Amino acid sequence: MPLTGKQKHLLRSLAHHCKVSVTVGTGGLSDRVIQEIDSALQHHELLKIKLPASSRDERRDLATRICTRSHTDLVQLIGHICVIYRAADEPVIRLPH
């Protein structure tokens, strides 16, 4: 189910103070990077990911591919940072309806 505007607003505010958890290098989106993202998502529901220096369209495409492969929702994409969310089995973050 896609995130609502209210839910994204809450997640953006929570992510503001978080540090980057995963960095995608110039090698792109490898299986190892997806494993790192999945591993980080097991500990945190909300992740900041730093994307490589490329055009805006390429970063948007990369963020979309990350979300598809990791089964997450894109919360925000600003510059070279994307924020993704995937609810845990026992969610810590309570999203509004």
N, C-alpha and C. Protein backbone atom coordinates (compact mmCIF):
# COMPACT_ATOMS: atom_id res chain seq x y z
N MET A 1 0.84 -1.17 0.00
CA MET A 1 0.00 0.00 0.00
C MET A 1 0.89 1.24 0.00
N PRO A 2 0.67 2.17 -0.91
CA PRO A 2 1.52 3.36 -0.98
C PRO A 2 1.32 4.25 0.25
N LEU A 3 2.36 4.98 0.58
CA LEU A 3 2.31 5.88 1.73
C LEU A 3 1.48 7.12 1.40
N THR A 4 0.73 7.59 2.38
CA THR A 4 -0.04 8.82 2.22
C THR A 4 0.86 10.02 2.47
N GLY A 5 0.39 11.20 2.15
CA GLY A 5 1.16 12.41 2.38
C GLY A 5 1.46 12.63 3.86
N LYS A 6 0.50 12.33 4.70
CA LYS A 6 0.68 12.48 6.15
C LYS A 6 1.75 11.53 6.67
N GLN A 7 1.74 10.31 6.16
CA GLN A 7 2.74 9.32 6.56
C GLN A 7 4.13 9.72 6.09
N LYS A 8 4.23 10.19 4.85
CA LYS A 8 5.52 10.64 4.34
C LYS A 8 6.05 11.82 5.14
N HIS A 9 5.17 12.71 5.52
CA HIS A 9 5.57 13.88 6.32
C HIS A 9 6.20 13.43 7.64
N LEU A 10 5.56 12.48 8.31
CA LEU A 10 6.09 11.95 9.57
C LEU A 10 7.46 11.29 9.33
N LEU A 11 7.57 10.46 8.30
CA LEU A 11 8.81 9.75 8.02
C LEU A 11 9.93 10.71 7.64
N ARG A 12 9.61 11.76 6.88
CA ARG A 12 10.63 12.76 6.53
C ARG A 12 11.15 13.45 7.79
N SER A 13 10.25 13.76 8.71
CA SER A 13 10.68 14.44 9.94
C SER A 13 11.55 13.51 10.79
N LEU A 14 11.24 12.23 10.82
CA LEU A 14 12.06 11.27 11.57
C LEU A 14 13.42 11.06 10.90
N ALA A 15 13.46 11.08 9.58
CA ALA A 15 14.70 10.83 8.84
C ALA A 15 15.64 12.03 8.87
N HIS A 16 15.11 13.20 9.17
CA HIS A 16 15.91 14.42 9.12
C HIS A 16 17.18 14.30 9.96
N HIS A 17 17.09 13.70 11.14
CA HIS A 17 18.22 13.62 12.05
C HIS A 17 19.03 12.33 11.90
N CYS A 18 18.61 11.45 11.00
CA CYS A 18 19.33 10.18 10.79
C CYS A 18 20.57 10.42 9.92
N LYS A 19 21.55 9.56 10.10
CA LYS A 19 22.74 9.60 9.25
C LYS A 19 22.55 8.63 8.09
N VAL A 20 23.35 8.82 7.06
CA VAL A 20 23.31 7.93 5.89
C VAL A 20 23.72 6.53 6.34
N SER A 21 22.90 5.53 6.01
CA SER A 21 23.18 4.14 6.41
C SER A 21 23.92 3.37 5.33
N VAL A 22 23.61 3.64 4.07
CA VAL A 22 24.18 2.89 2.95
C VAL A 22 24.58 3.90 1.87
N THR A 23 25.71 3.64 1.24
CA THR A 23 26.16 4.47 0.13
C THR A 23 26.26 3.60 -1.11
N VAL A 24 25.63 4.04 -2.19
CA VAL A 24 25.72 3.34 -3.47
C VAL A 24 26.89 3.97 -4.21
N GLY A 25 27.88 3.18 -4.54
CA GLY A 25 29.07 3.69 -5.22
C GLY A 25 28.87 3.83 -6.71
N THR A 26 29.95 4.14 -7.38
CA THR A 26 29.89 4.34 -8.83
C THR A 26 29.64 3.02 -9.56
N GLY A 27 29.82 1.89 -8.87
CA GLY A 27 29.54 0.59 -9.47
C GLY A 27 28.06 0.33 -9.65
N GLY A 28 27.24 1.16 -9.02
CA GLY A 28 25.79 1.03 -9.19
C GLY A 28 25.15 0.08 -8.20
N LEU A 29 23.99 -0.38 -8.55
CA LEU A 29 23.16 -1.19 -7.67
C LEU A 29 23.48 -2.67 -7.86
N SER A 30 24.42 -3.15 -7.07
CA SER A 30 24.82 -4.56 -7.15
C SER A 30 24.02 -5.38 -6.14
N ASP A 31 24.15 -6.69 -6.23
CA ASP A 31 23.49 -7.57 -5.27
C ASP A 31 24.01 -7.31 -3.86
N ARG A 32 25.27 -6.97 -3.74
CA ARG A 32 25.87 -6.69 -2.43
C ARG A 32 25.23 -5.45 -1.79
N VAL A 33 24.98 -4.44 -2.59
CA VAL A 33 24.33 -3.22 -2.07
C VAL A 33 22.92 -3.54 -1.60
N ILE A 34 22.19 -4.34 -2.36
CA ILE A 34 20.84 -4.73 -1.95
C ILE A 34 20.89 -5.53 -0.65
N GLN A 35 21.90 -6.40 -0.50
CA GLN A 35 22.06 -7.14 0.75
C GLN A 35 22.31 -6.20 1.92
N GLU A 36 23.13 -5.17 1.71
CA GLU A 36 23.40 -4.19 2.76
C GLU A 36 22.13 -3.43 3.14
N ILE A 37 21.35 -3.07 2.13
CA ILE A 37 20.09 -2.36 2.39
C ILE A 37 19.15 -3.26 3.19
N ASP A 38 18.99 -4.52 2.77
CA ASP A 38 18.13 -5.46 3.50
C ASP A 38 18.62 -5.67 4.93
N SER A 39 19.91 -5.77 5.10
CA SER A 39 20.49 -5.94 6.44
C SER A 39 20.19 -4.73 7.32
N ALA A 40 20.36 -3.54 6.76
CA ALA A 40 20.08 -2.32 7.52
C ALA A 40 18.59 -2.20 7.84
N LEU A 41 17.74 -2.64 6.91
CA LEU A 41 16.29 -2.57 7.13
C LEU A 41 15.83 -3.54 8.22
N GLN A 42 16.60 -4.58 8.48
CA GLN A 42 16.24 -5.50 9.56
C GLN A 42 16.40 -4.83 10.91
N HIS A 43 17.29 -3.83 10.98
CA HIS A 43 17.53 -3.13 12.24
C HIS A 43 16.79 -1.81 12.32
N HIS A 44 16.52 -1.21 11.19
CA HIS A 44 15.87 0.10 11.12
C HIS A 44 14.78 0.04 10.05
N GLU A 45 13.68 0.67 10.30
CA GLU A 45 12.60 0.70 9.30
C GLU A 45 12.81 1.82 8.28
N LEU A 46 13.60 2.80 8.65
CA LEU A 46 13.78 4.00 7.85
C LEU A 46 15.27 4.16 7.56
N LEU A 47 15.63 4.30 6.29
CA LEU A 47 17.03 4.40 5.89
C LEU A 47 17.28 5.61 5.00
N LYS A 48 18.46 6.20 5.20
CA LYS A 48 18.96 7.20 4.27
C LYS A 48 20.03 6.53 3.43
N ILE A 49 19.95 6.72 2.12
CA ILE A 49 20.91 6.13 1.20
C ILE A 49 21.52 7.24 0.35
N LYS A 50 22.84 7.24 0.28
CA LYS A 50 23.53 8.22 -0.56
C LYS A 50 23.73 7.61 -1.95
N LEU A 51 23.31 8.36 -2.96
CA LEU A 51 23.39 7.90 -4.35
C LEU A 51 24.60 8.54 -5.03
N PRO A 52 25.14 7.90 -6.07
CA PRO A 52 26.32 8.46 -6.74
C PRO A 52 25.99 9.73 -7.51
N ALA A 53 27.03 10.49 -7.79
CA ALA A 53 26.86 11.73 -8.55
C ALA A 53 26.51 11.41 -9.99
N SER A 54 25.29 11.68 -10.35
CA SER A 54 24.82 11.47 -11.71
C SER A 54 23.66 12.45 -11.94
N SER A 55 23.01 12.34 -13.08
CA SER A 55 21.92 13.27 -13.36
C SER A 55 20.71 12.99 -12.47
N ARG A 56 19.84 13.94 -12.37
CA ARG A 56 18.64 13.82 -11.55
C ARG A 56 17.77 12.64 -11.98
N ASP A 57 17.61 12.47 -13.29
CA ASP A 57 16.80 11.36 -13.79
C ASP A 57 17.42 10.01 -13.45
N GLU A 58 18.74 9.91 -13.55
CA GLU A 58 19.42 8.66 -13.20
C GLU A 58 19.28 8.36 -11.71
N ARG A 59 19.36 9.38 -10.86
CA ARG A 59 19.18 9.18 -9.41
C ARG A 59 17.76 8.74 -9.10
N ARG A 60 16.77 9.34 -9.78
CA ARG A 60 15.38 8.95 -9.57
C ARG A 60 15.18 7.50 -10.01
N ASP A 61 15.74 7.12 -11.15
CA ASP A 61 15.65 5.75 -11.64
C ASP A 61 16.31 4.78 -10.66
N LEU A 62 17.48 5.14 -10.15
CA LEU A 62 18.18 4.30 -9.19
C LEU A 62 17.37 4.14 -7.90
N ALA A 63 16.78 5.22 -7.41
CA ALA A 63 15.95 5.15 -6.20
C ALA A 63 14.74 4.24 -6.43
N THR A 64 14.14 4.31 -7.60
CA THR A 64 13.01 3.46 -7.93
C THR A 64 13.42 1.99 -7.97
N ARG A 65 14.59 1.71 -8.56
CA ARG A 65 15.08 0.33 -8.62
C ARG A 65 15.41 -0.20 -7.22
N ILE A 66 15.96 0.67 -6.36
CA ILE A 66 16.24 0.26 -4.98
C ILE A 66 14.95 -0.13 -4.29
N CYS A 67 13.93 0.69 -4.44
CA CYS A 67 12.64 0.41 -3.80
C CYS A 67 12.02 -0.88 -4.33
N THR A 68 12.12 -1.10 -5.61
CA THR A 68 11.55 -2.31 -6.21
C THR A 68 12.27 -3.56 -5.70
N ARG A 69 13.59 -3.52 -5.72
CA ARG A 69 14.36 -4.71 -5.33
C ARG A 69 14.35 -4.97 -3.83
N SER A 70 14.17 -3.93 -3.02
CA SER A 70 14.19 -4.11 -1.56
C SER A 70 12.78 -4.12 -0.96
N HIS A 71 11.76 -3.99 -1.81
CA HIS A 71 10.36 -4.00 -1.37
C HIS A 71 10.12 -2.90 -0.32
N THR A 72 10.52 -1.69 -0.66
CA THR A 72 10.35 -0.55 0.23
C THR A 72 9.56 0.54 -0.47
N ASP A 73 9.20 1.56 0.30
CA ASP A 73 8.53 2.74 -0.24
C ASP A 73 9.51 3.90 -0.25
N LEU A 74 9.51 4.68 -1.33
CA LEU A 74 10.34 5.87 -1.40
C LEU A 74 9.64 6.98 -0.63
N VAL A 75 10.32 7.50 0.36
CA VAL A 75 9.77 8.58 1.18
C VAL A 75 10.17 9.93 0.60
N GLN A 76 11.46 10.04 0.22
CA GLN A 76 11.97 11.32 -0.23
C GLN A 76 13.23 11.12 -1.07
N LEU A 77 13.40 12.00 -2.04
CA LEU A 77 14.62 12.02 -2.83
C LEU A 77 15.01 13.49 -3.00
N ILE A 78 16.08 13.86 -2.30
CA ILE A 78 16.58 15.24 -2.39
C ILE A 78 18.06 15.17 -2.70
N GLY A 79 18.44 15.75 -3.81
CA GLY A 79 19.84 15.74 -4.20
C GLY A 79 20.35 14.32 -4.35
N HIS A 80 21.39 14.00 -3.60
CA HIS A 80 22.01 12.68 -3.69
C HIS A 80 21.57 11.75 -2.57
N ILE A 81 20.56 12.14 -1.82
CA ILE A 81 20.08 11.34 -0.68
C ILE A 81 18.64 10.89 -0.94
N CYS A 82 18.40 9.59 -0.78
CA CYS A 82 17.03 9.10 -0.83
C CYS A 82 16.71 8.45 0.52
N VAL A 83 15.47 8.55 0.91
CA VAL A 83 14.99 7.98 2.16
C VAL A 83 13.96 6.92 1.80
N ILE A 84 14.15 5.71 2.34
CA ILE A 84 13.21 4.62 2.07
C ILE A 84 12.66 4.08 3.38
N TYR A 85 11.49 3.42 3.29
CA TYR A 85 10.82 2.89 4.47
C TYR A 85 10.25 1.51 4.16
N ARG A 86 10.43 0.61 5.11
CA ARG A 86 9.78 -0.69 5.06
C ARG A 86 9.41 -1.06 6.50
N ALA A 87 8.13 -1.31 6.73
CA ALA A 87 7.67 -1.65 8.07
C ALA A 87 8.27 -2.98 8.52
N ALA A 88 8.65 -3.03 9.77
CA ALA A 88 9.19 -4.26 10.34
C ALA A 88 8.04 -5.21 10.68
N ASP A 89 8.38 -6.46 11.01
CA ASP A 89 7.35 -7.41 11.43
C ASP A 89 6.62 -6.88 12.66
N GLU A 90 7.37 -6.29 13.56
CA GLU A 90 6.80 -5.60 14.73
C GLU A 90 7.21 -4.14 14.62
N PRO A 91 6.40 -3.31 13.96
CA PRO A 91 6.79 -1.93 13.68
C PRO A 91 7.08 -1.11 14.93
N VAL A 92 8.16 -0.33 14.85
CA VAL A 92 8.50 0.61 15.91
C VAL A 92 7.88 1.96 15.58
N ILE A 93 7.90 2.32 14.31
CA ILE A 93 7.33 3.59 13.86
C ILE A 93 5.83 3.40 13.65
N ARG A 94 5.05 4.18 14.33
CA ARG A 94 3.59 4.14 14.20
C ARG A 94 3.16 5.18 13.18
N LEU A 95 2.65 4.73 12.04
CA LEU A 95 2.21 5.63 10.98
C LEU A 95 0.76 6.04 11.19
N PRO A 96 0.44 7.33 10.94
CA PRO A 96 -0.97 7.75 11.00
C PRO A 96 -1.73 7.15 9.81
N HIS A 97 -3.02 7.05 9.95
CA HIS A 97 -3.85 6.48 8.87
C HIS A 97 -4.27 7.52 7.89
